[in-house]
Amino acid sequence: MGLFYFRKPNWRAAEEFDDQGEYAEAAHEPDKLTFGRLLVTLVILTVALAAAAGLILLLAQFQPIVP
């Protein structure tokens, strides 16, 4: 997943071949969603939600003056 890509890509792993001329297994492993990455994602979403709610509450204080 692109959002959770915290490390540099390993360009050499994609060019390494095994004995049969196939690509190395490590070059094709998908990124795993670990507990740490899930926790970071939940914290980011919680902060974004709290900021949006705070902005809405702040703007709700300024009511338009209607005659």
N, C-alpha and C. Protein backbone atom coordinates (compact mmCIF):
# COMPACT_ATOMS: atom_id res chain seq x y z
N MET A 1 0.84 -1.17 0.00
CA MET A 1 0.00 0.00 0.00
C MET A 1 0.89 1.24 0.00
N GLY A 2 0.58 2.15 -0.86
CA GLY A 2 1.43 3.32 -0.99
C GLY A 2 1.42 4.22 0.24
N LEU A 3 0.29 4.28 0.95
CA LEU A 3 0.19 5.14 2.11
C LEU A 3 1.13 4.70 3.22
N PHE A 4 1.39 3.40 3.30
CA PHE A 4 2.19 2.86 4.40
C PHE A 4 3.62 2.57 3.99
N TYR A 5 4.10 3.20 2.92
CA TYR A 5 5.43 2.88 2.42
C TYR A 5 6.45 3.78 3.08
N PHE A 6 7.02 3.33 4.22
CA PHE A 6 7.92 4.16 5.01
C PHE A 6 9.39 3.92 4.69
N ARG A 7 9.71 2.87 3.95
CA ARG A 7 11.12 2.58 3.70
C ARG A 7 11.45 2.78 2.23
N LYS A 8 12.76 2.88 1.96
CA LYS A 8 13.19 3.07 0.59
C LYS A 8 12.96 1.79 -0.23
N PRO A 9 12.64 1.92 -1.50
CA PRO A 9 12.50 0.71 -2.31
C PRO A 9 13.85 0.04 -2.52
N ASN A 10 13.82 -1.27 -2.57
CA ASN A 10 15.05 -2.04 -2.74
C ASN A 10 15.21 -2.33 -4.23
N TRP A 11 15.93 -1.46 -4.94
CA TRP A 11 16.06 -1.61 -6.38
C TRP A 11 16.94 -2.80 -6.74
N ARG A 12 17.89 -3.16 -5.89
CA ARG A 12 18.77 -4.28 -6.20
C ARG A 12 18.04 -5.61 -6.13
N ALA A 13 17.05 -5.72 -5.23
CA ALA A 13 16.34 -6.99 -5.07
C ALA A 13 15.57 -7.35 -6.34
N ALA A 14 15.11 -6.37 -7.08
CA ALA A 14 14.35 -6.64 -8.30
C ALA A 14 15.25 -7.15 -9.41
N GLU A 15 16.55 -6.90 -9.30
CA GLU A 15 17.47 -7.33 -10.35
C GLU A 15 18.19 -8.64 -10.02
N GLU A 16 18.00 -9.15 -8.80
CA GLU A 16 18.68 -10.37 -8.41
C GLU A 16 17.87 -11.58 -8.86
N PHE A 17 18.56 -12.55 -9.45
CA PHE A 17 17.92 -13.76 -9.93
C PHE A 17 18.39 -14.94 -9.10
N ASP A 18 17.54 -15.96 -9.01
CA ASP A 18 17.98 -17.20 -8.37
C ASP A 18 18.60 -18.11 -9.42
N ASP A 19 18.82 -19.37 -9.06
CA ASP A 19 19.53 -20.29 -9.95
C ASP A 19 18.76 -20.60 -11.23
N GLN A 20 17.44 -20.58 -11.18
CA GLN A 20 16.63 -20.90 -12.37
C GLN A 20 16.37 -19.69 -13.25
N GLY A 21 16.93 -18.53 -12.92
CA GLY A 21 16.72 -17.35 -13.73
C GLY A 21 15.45 -16.60 -13.40
N GLU A 22 14.81 -16.96 -12.29
CA GLU A 22 13.59 -16.27 -11.87
C GLU A 22 13.95 -15.12 -10.94
N TYR A 23 13.02 -14.18 -10.80
CA TYR A 23 13.25 -13.08 -9.86
C TYR A 23 13.27 -13.59 -8.43
N ALA A 24 13.96 -12.88 -7.58
CA ALA A 24 14.01 -13.25 -6.17
C ALA A 24 12.64 -13.09 -5.54
N GLU A 25 12.32 -13.92 -4.56
CA GLU A 25 11.02 -13.86 -3.90
C GLU A 25 10.82 -12.54 -3.17
N ALA A 26 11.86 -12.01 -2.57
CA ALA A 26 11.73 -10.80 -1.75
C ALA A 26 11.31 -9.59 -2.58
N ALA A 27 11.60 -9.61 -3.86
CA ALA A 27 11.27 -8.46 -4.70
C ALA A 27 9.76 -8.36 -4.94
N HIS A 28 9.03 -9.46 -4.76
CA HIS A 28 7.60 -9.46 -5.09
C HIS A 28 6.72 -9.60 -3.86
N GLU A 29 7.31 -9.52 -2.66
CA GLU A 29 6.49 -9.61 -1.46
C GLU A 29 5.70 -8.32 -1.28
N PRO A 30 4.40 -8.43 -1.04
CA PRO A 30 3.62 -7.21 -0.77
C PRO A 30 3.93 -6.68 0.62
N ASP A 31 3.70 -5.38 0.82
CA ASP A 31 3.91 -4.79 2.14
C ASP A 31 2.85 -5.32 3.09
N LYS A 32 3.28 -5.66 4.28
CA LYS A 32 2.35 -6.20 5.27
C LYS A 32 1.81 -5.07 6.14
N LEU A 33 0.52 -5.17 6.47
CA LEU A 33 -0.11 -4.20 7.34
C LEU A 33 0.14 -4.64 8.78
N THR A 34 1.17 -4.10 9.39
CA THR A 34 1.52 -4.48 10.75
C THR A 34 0.69 -3.70 11.76
N PHE A 35 0.79 -4.10 13.02
CA PHE A 35 0.04 -3.41 14.07
C PHE A 35 0.49 -1.97 14.21
N GLY A 36 1.79 -1.72 14.05
CA GLY A 36 2.30 -0.36 14.17
C GLY A 36 1.76 0.55 13.08
N ARG A 37 1.72 0.06 11.86
CA ARG A 37 1.19 0.87 10.76
C ARG A 37 -0.29 1.13 10.93
N LEU A 38 -1.02 0.11 11.43
CA LEU A 38 -2.45 0.30 11.69
C LEU A 38 -2.66 1.34 12.79
N LEU A 39 -1.82 1.30 13.82
CA LEU A 39 -1.93 2.26 14.91
C LEU A 39 -1.64 3.68 14.42
N VAL A 40 -0.62 3.85 13.59
CA VAL A 40 -0.30 5.17 13.04
C VAL A 40 -1.45 5.68 12.19
N THR A 41 -2.04 4.81 11.39
CA THR A 41 -3.17 5.21 10.55
C THR A 41 -4.37 5.64 11.40
N LEU A 42 -4.66 4.89 12.45
CA LEU A 42 -5.78 5.26 13.32
C LEU A 42 -5.53 6.58 14.04
N VAL A 43 -4.30 6.84 14.44
CA VAL A 43 -3.98 8.10 15.11
C VAL A 43 -4.15 9.27 14.13
N ILE A 44 -3.66 9.11 12.90
CA ILE A 44 -3.79 10.17 11.90
C ILE A 44 -5.26 10.46 11.60
N LEU A 45 -6.06 9.40 11.44
CA LEU A 45 -7.48 9.61 11.16
C LEU A 45 -8.20 10.25 12.34
N THR A 46 -7.83 9.88 13.57
CA THR A 46 -8.45 10.48 14.75
C THR A 46 -8.12 11.96 14.87
N VAL A 47 -6.87 12.31 14.62
CA VAL A 47 -6.47 13.72 14.67
C VAL A 47 -7.18 14.53 13.58
N ALA A 48 -7.30 13.96 12.40
CA ALA A 48 -7.98 14.66 11.31
C ALA A 48 -9.46 14.86 11.63
N LEU A 49 -10.08 13.84 12.21
CA LEU A 49 -11.50 13.95 12.57
C LEU A 49 -11.71 14.99 13.68
N ALA A 50 -10.80 15.01 14.65
CA ALA A 50 -10.91 15.98 15.74
C ALA A 50 -10.69 17.41 15.22
N ALA A 51 -9.77 17.57 14.28
CA ALA A 51 -9.53 18.89 13.71
C ALA A 51 -10.75 19.37 12.91
N ALA A 52 -11.37 18.47 12.17
CA ALA A 52 -12.56 18.84 11.40
C ALA A 52 -13.71 19.20 12.33
N ALA A 53 -13.90 18.42 13.39
CA ALA A 53 -14.97 18.72 14.34
C ALA A 53 -14.71 20.05 15.06
N GLY A 54 -13.47 20.32 15.42
CA GLY A 54 -13.13 21.58 16.06
C GLY A 54 -13.37 22.77 15.15
N LEU A 55 -13.04 22.61 13.88
CA LEU A 55 -13.28 23.70 12.93
C LEU A 55 -14.77 23.96 12.74
N ILE A 56 -15.55 22.90 12.70
CA ILE A 56 -17.01 23.07 12.56
C ILE A 56 -17.59 23.76 13.78
N LEU A 57 -17.13 23.35 14.97
CA LEU A 57 -17.63 24.00 16.19
C LEU A 57 -17.19 25.45 16.29
N LEU A 58 -15.98 25.73 15.83
CA LEU A 58 -15.50 27.12 15.84
C LEU A 58 -16.31 27.99 14.89
N LEU A 59 -16.58 27.48 13.69
CA LEU A 59 -17.36 28.26 12.73
C LEU A 59 -18.83 28.37 13.12
N ALA A 60 -19.33 27.42 13.92
CA ALA A 60 -20.73 27.47 14.34
C ALA A 60 -20.98 28.57 15.36
N GLN A 61 -19.93 29.07 15.99
CA GLN A 61 -20.10 30.15 16.96
C GLN A 61 -20.45 31.47 16.29
N PHE A 62 -20.02 31.64 15.05
CA PHE A 62 -20.26 32.89 14.34
C PHE A 62 -21.55 32.78 13.53
N GLN A 63 -22.66 33.13 14.19
CA GLN A 63 -23.94 33.06 13.51
C GLN A 63 -24.14 34.32 12.67
N PRO A 64 -24.71 34.19 11.49
CA PRO A 64 -24.95 35.39 10.68
C PRO A 64 -26.05 36.27 11.30
N ILE A 65 -25.88 37.56 11.16
CA ILE A 65 -26.86 38.50 11.71
C ILE A 65 -27.97 38.70 10.67
N VAL A 66 -29.15 38.25 11.03
CA VAL A 66 -30.29 38.36 10.12
C VAL A 66 -31.29 39.33 10.73
N PRO A 67 -31.66 40.37 10.01
CA PRO A 67 -32.63 41.35 10.58
C PRO A 67 -34.02 40.76 10.71
